[in-house]
Protein backbone atom coordinates (compact mmCIF):
# COMPACT_ATOMS: atom_id res chain seq x y z
CA MET A 1 67.71 -110.55 121.51
CA ILE A 2 64.72 -111.85 123.47
CA PHE A 3 62.93 -109.63 125.94
CA ASP A 4 60.38 -110.89 128.42
CA ASN A 5 56.84 -110.16 129.60
CA LYS A 6 54.70 -110.43 126.49
CA LYS A 7 51.61 -108.19 126.50
CA CYS A 8 49.50 -110.45 124.35
CA VAL A 9 46.20 -109.26 125.76
CA GLU A 10 46.89 -105.73 124.45
CA CYS A 11 48.32 -106.97 121.12
CA HIS A 12 47.08 -105.17 117.99
CA LEU A 13 47.17 -108.52 116.18
CA ARG A 14 44.51 -109.87 118.54
CA ASP A 15 42.01 -107.26 117.36
CA THR A 16 42.82 -107.52 113.65
CA LEU A 17 44.08 -110.68 111.96
CA CYS A 18 43.34 -112.88 114.98
CA LYS A 19 39.88 -111.51 115.67
CA CYS A 20 38.39 -114.78 114.37
CA LEU A 21 40.22 -116.84 116.98
CA SER A 22 38.66 -117.81 120.27
CA ASP A 23 40.41 -116.75 123.48
CA ASN A 24 41.70 -120.30 123.92
CA GLU A 25 43.04 -120.42 120.35
CA PHE A 26 44.82 -117.08 120.69
CA GLU A 27 46.27 -118.01 124.08
CA ALA A 28 47.60 -121.24 122.58
CA LEU A 29 49.24 -119.28 119.76
CA ALA A 30 50.71 -116.77 122.22
CA SER A 31 52.20 -119.55 124.32
CA TYR A 32 54.35 -120.55 121.33
CA SER A 33 55.49 -116.98 120.63
CA ARG A 34 58.54 -114.98 121.69
CA LEU A 35 59.28 -111.27 121.72
CA TYR A 36 62.48 -109.93 120.12
CA VAL A 37 64.38 -106.69 119.73
CA TYR A 38 66.09 -106.18 116.36
CA LYS A 39 68.77 -103.55 115.78
CA LYS A 40 69.00 -101.54 112.57
CA GLY A 41 70.56 -103.79 109.92
CA ASP A 42 69.61 -107.07 111.62
CA VAL A 43 68.33 -109.82 109.34
CA ILE A 44 64.91 -110.82 110.64
CA LEU A 45 64.30 -113.48 107.97
CA ASP A 46 67.03 -114.76 105.65
CA GLN A 47 66.30 -115.65 102.01
CA ASP A 48 66.40 -119.34 101.02
CA THR A 49 66.65 -120.60 104.60
CA LYS A 50 64.19 -122.76 106.48
CA CYS A 51 61.52 -120.75 108.23
CA PHE A 52 60.14 -121.83 111.59
CA GLU A 53 58.44 -118.60 112.64
CA LEU A 54 56.40 -115.69 111.39
CA VAL A 55 57.22 -112.29 112.87
CA TYR A 56 54.58 -109.77 113.85
CA LEU A 57 56.36 -106.41 113.74
CA THR A 58 55.21 -104.20 116.60
CA LYS A 59 57.73 -101.36 116.13
CA GLY A 60 59.98 -100.14 113.32
CA VAL A 61 60.46 -100.19 109.54
CA VAL A 62 61.78 -103.10 107.45
CA LYS A 63 62.76 -103.81 103.85
CA PHE A 64 61.98 -106.98 101.88
CA VAL A 65 65.02 -107.88 99.80
CA LEU A 66 65.30 -110.38 96.95
CA ASN A 67 68.87 -111.36 96.08
CA ASN A 68 68.96 -112.12 92.37
CA ASP A 69 72.34 -113.30 91.04
CA GLY A 70 74.20 -111.11 93.49
CA ARG A 71 72.05 -108.02 92.98
CA GLU A 72 69.74 -106.89 95.74
CA LEU A 73 66.23 -105.81 94.79
CA ILE A 74 64.02 -104.19 97.40
CA VAL A 75 60.55 -105.49 96.58
CA ALA A 76 58.77 -103.79 99.50
CA VAL A 77 59.19 -101.53 102.49
CA ASP A 78 56.80 -101.95 105.41
CA LYS A 79 56.32 -100.77 108.96
CA ALA A 80 54.67 -101.92 112.17
CA GLN A 81 52.01 -103.21 112.64
CA THR A 82 52.51 -105.94 110.05
CA LEU A 83 52.97 -109.69 109.83
CA ILE A 84 56.21 -110.82 108.18
CA GLY A 85 56.69 -114.18 106.50
CA LEU A 86 53.25 -114.90 105.06
CA ALA A 87 54.85 -116.03 101.79
CA ASN A 88 56.28 -119.00 103.67
CA ILE A 89 52.86 -120.44 104.42
CA LEU A 90 52.54 -121.63 100.82
CA ASN A 91 56.25 -121.81 100.00
CA GLU A 92 57.32 -125.01 101.77
CA ASP A 93 58.45 -123.00 104.81
CA ILE A 94 61.41 -121.50 102.91
CA ASN A 95 62.05 -117.76 103.17
CA TYR A 96 61.47 -116.33 99.69
CA PHE A 97 62.78 -112.89 100.72
CA SER A 98 65.21 -111.55 103.26
CA VAL A 99 63.60 -109.11 105.68
CA ILE A 100 66.04 -106.61 107.16
CA ALA A 101 65.48 -103.95 109.82
CA LEU A 102 65.81 -100.40 108.48
CA THR A 103 65.34 -99.04 112.00
CA ASP A 104 65.46 -100.56 115.46
CA CYS A 105 62.47 -102.90 115.58
CA ASN A 106 60.44 -104.97 118.01
CA GLY A 107 58.67 -108.12 116.88
CA CYS A 108 56.83 -111.16 118.11
CA ALA A 109 58.04 -114.44 116.59
CA ILE A 110 55.10 -116.81 116.12
CA ASN A 111 55.58 -120.54 115.68
CA LEU A 112 54.79 -121.22 112.01
CA SER A 113 53.54 -124.79 112.41
CA LYS A 114 51.13 -123.77 115.20
CA PHE A 115 49.95 -120.84 113.08
CA LYS A 116 49.26 -123.12 110.11
CA MET A 117 47.44 -125.60 112.34
CA LEU A 118 45.10 -122.85 113.51
CA MET A 119 44.46 -121.93 109.87
CA MET A 120 43.48 -125.50 109.06
CA ASN A 121 41.12 -125.69 112.05
CA ASN A 122 39.56 -122.24 111.69
CA LYS A 123 38.39 -121.39 108.17
CA SER A 124 37.52 -117.78 109.03
CA PHE A 125 41.05 -117.29 110.27
CA MET A 126 42.42 -118.88 107.09
CA PHE A 127 40.39 -116.41 105.00
CA GLU A 128 41.76 -113.43 106.97
CA VAL A 129 45.34 -114.66 106.53
CA MET A 130 44.91 -115.23 102.78
CA SER A 131 43.32 -111.80 102.40
CA LEU A 132 46.24 -110.11 104.16
CA SER A 133 48.74 -112.10 102.13
CA THR A 134 47.04 -111.02 98.90
CA GLN A 135 47.16 -107.36 99.90
CA MET A 136 50.88 -107.57 100.66
CA PHE A 137 51.72 -109.27 97.38
CA ARG A 138 49.62 -106.77 95.44
CA GLY A 139 51.88 -104.01 96.72
CA ALA A 140 55.03 -105.87 95.63
CA ILE A 141 53.54 -106.60 92.20
CA ASN A 142 52.60 -102.93 91.72
CA ASN A 143 56.19 -101.98 92.47
CA PHE A 144 57.49 -104.41 89.85
CA ILE A 145 55.02 -103.01 87.31
CA SER A 146 56.34 -99.52 88.02
CA VAL A 147 59.93 -100.69 87.57
CA ALA A 148 59.09 -102.48 84.32
CA ARG A 149 57.01 -99.77 82.64
CA LYS A 150 58.29 -96.40 83.84
CA GLN A 151 61.36 -94.24 83.37
CA SER A 152 63.47 -93.36 86.40
CA ASN A 153 61.52 -90.12 87.06
CA GLY A 154 58.26 -92.06 87.39
CA ARG A 155 59.85 -94.75 89.52
CA VAL A 156 61.34 -92.26 91.96
CA ALA A 157 58.03 -90.39 92.15
CA ASP A 158 56.25 -93.69 92.93
CA VAL A 159 58.70 -94.47 95.74
CA LEU A 160 58.41 -91.00 97.29
CA ILE A 161 54.61 -91.12 97.20
CA TYR A 162 54.58 -94.62 98.68
CA LEU A 163 56.92 -93.66 101.50
CA SER A 164 54.94 -90.50 102.21
CA ASP A 165 51.52 -92.21 102.20
CA LYS A 166 52.23 -95.70 103.52
CA ILE A 167 55.32 -95.51 105.73
CA TYR A 168 55.66 -92.02 107.20
CA ASN A 169 52.07 -90.73 106.81
CA SER A 170 53.42 -87.25 106.18
CA ARG A 171 54.58 -85.02 103.33
CA LYS A 172 57.71 -84.29 105.37
CA PHE A 173 59.84 -87.16 106.62
CA VAL A 174 63.35 -88.41 107.37
CA LEU A 175 64.36 -91.29 105.12
CA ASP A 176 65.37 -94.56 106.73
CA LEU A 177 66.78 -95.71 103.37
CA SER A 178 70.15 -94.77 101.93
CA ARG A 179 70.42 -93.46 98.38
CA GLN A 180 71.53 -96.94 97.29
CA GLU A 181 68.51 -98.51 98.97
CA LEU A 182 66.24 -95.99 97.25
CA ALA A 183 67.84 -97.07 93.97
CA ASP A 184 67.28 -100.75 94.81
CA PHE A 185 63.63 -99.99 95.59
CA ALA A 186 63.05 -97.88 92.48
CA GLY A 187 64.88 -100.28 90.17
CA CYS A 188 67.45 -97.76 88.95
CA SER A 189 71.03 -96.74 89.63
CA LYS A 190 72.24 -94.68 92.58
CA GLU A 191 73.34 -91.99 90.11
CA GLN A 192 69.80 -91.82 88.65
CA ILE A 193 68.35 -91.44 92.15
CA ILE A 194 70.70 -88.58 92.98
CA HIS A 195 70.08 -86.88 89.62
CA THR A 196 66.28 -87.22 89.87
CA LEU A 197 66.13 -85.98 93.45
CA ARG A 198 68.25 -82.99 92.48
CA ASN A 199 65.97 -82.16 89.55
CA LEU A 200 62.82 -82.49 91.67
CA ASN A 201 64.42 -80.26 94.28
CA ASN A 202 65.43 -77.65 91.69
CA ASP A 203 61.88 -77.66 90.28
CA ASN A 204 60.48 -77.03 93.79
CA ILE A 205 58.48 -80.25 93.68
CA ILE A 206 60.31 -81.61 96.70
CA LYS A 207 62.82 -80.19 99.16
CA VAL A 208 65.85 -82.39 99.87
CA SER A 209 68.38 -81.92 102.64
CA GLY A 210 70.38 -85.07 103.29
CA LYS A 211 67.87 -87.67 104.50
CA ASN A 212 65.18 -85.03 105.05
CA ILE A 213 62.50 -85.00 102.33
CA GLU A 214 59.54 -82.66 102.04
CA ILE A 215 57.01 -82.96 99.23
CA LEU A 216 56.17 -79.38 98.27
CA ASP A 217 53.92 -80.04 95.26
CA PHE A 218 52.19 -83.38 95.59
CA GLU A 219 50.05 -82.88 92.47
CA LYS A 220 53.09 -82.40 90.24
CA LEU A 221 54.79 -85.41 91.82
CA ALA A 222 51.64 -87.50 91.22
CA THR A 223 51.61 -86.38 87.58
CA ILE A 224 55.22 -87.47 87.16
CA SER A 225 54.28 -90.81 88.71
CA LYS A 226 51.32 -91.19 86.34
CA VAL A 227 53.07 -90.30 83.07
CA GLY A 228 56.22 -92.15 84.09
């Protein structure tokens, strides 16, 4: 759903990633952009389809999903303010992941070809984009390392710490992910998620009540994450 009256002058992106652009360059980019509202569950980008736009998320939480032989793997969870679709810049404009709204979201769809043209004409801007892209992929790689090397206890601890530190910025939060989505993110079964959460709750490391999570003993949870 498109909504009107873009507030590009006040855009957070203008003062961060696009700080290397001149006013004329940013205005040109904004003129090829559109604002959208996404409902929870909406597919913002669809895996293996042609990509024509990047999406700068201005509100909400999303998951990055890789469909591998019918099994969904959540490779990342991110929140506003973030730029979605950077992988497509070097991937022949094909969506490598699906990006799905975990909450109601707002986003600004930016014309990909115009964005790439600005990168080619402004080397400082290109460096900022590549730096951001590297940071985002580092997070996904770290998650895969956790899945590959750790037992389910360590994986679940990693996910809880990540959500606490990076998504909710609080030791007490309401999950936007279902138990199955937690399992897809941690690389384990739904049963393992439920069992591990119950054990952590019984050990007074976390407090669980439905979707409400409170980390009671962060040091112990960090130790579980470390020893895996």
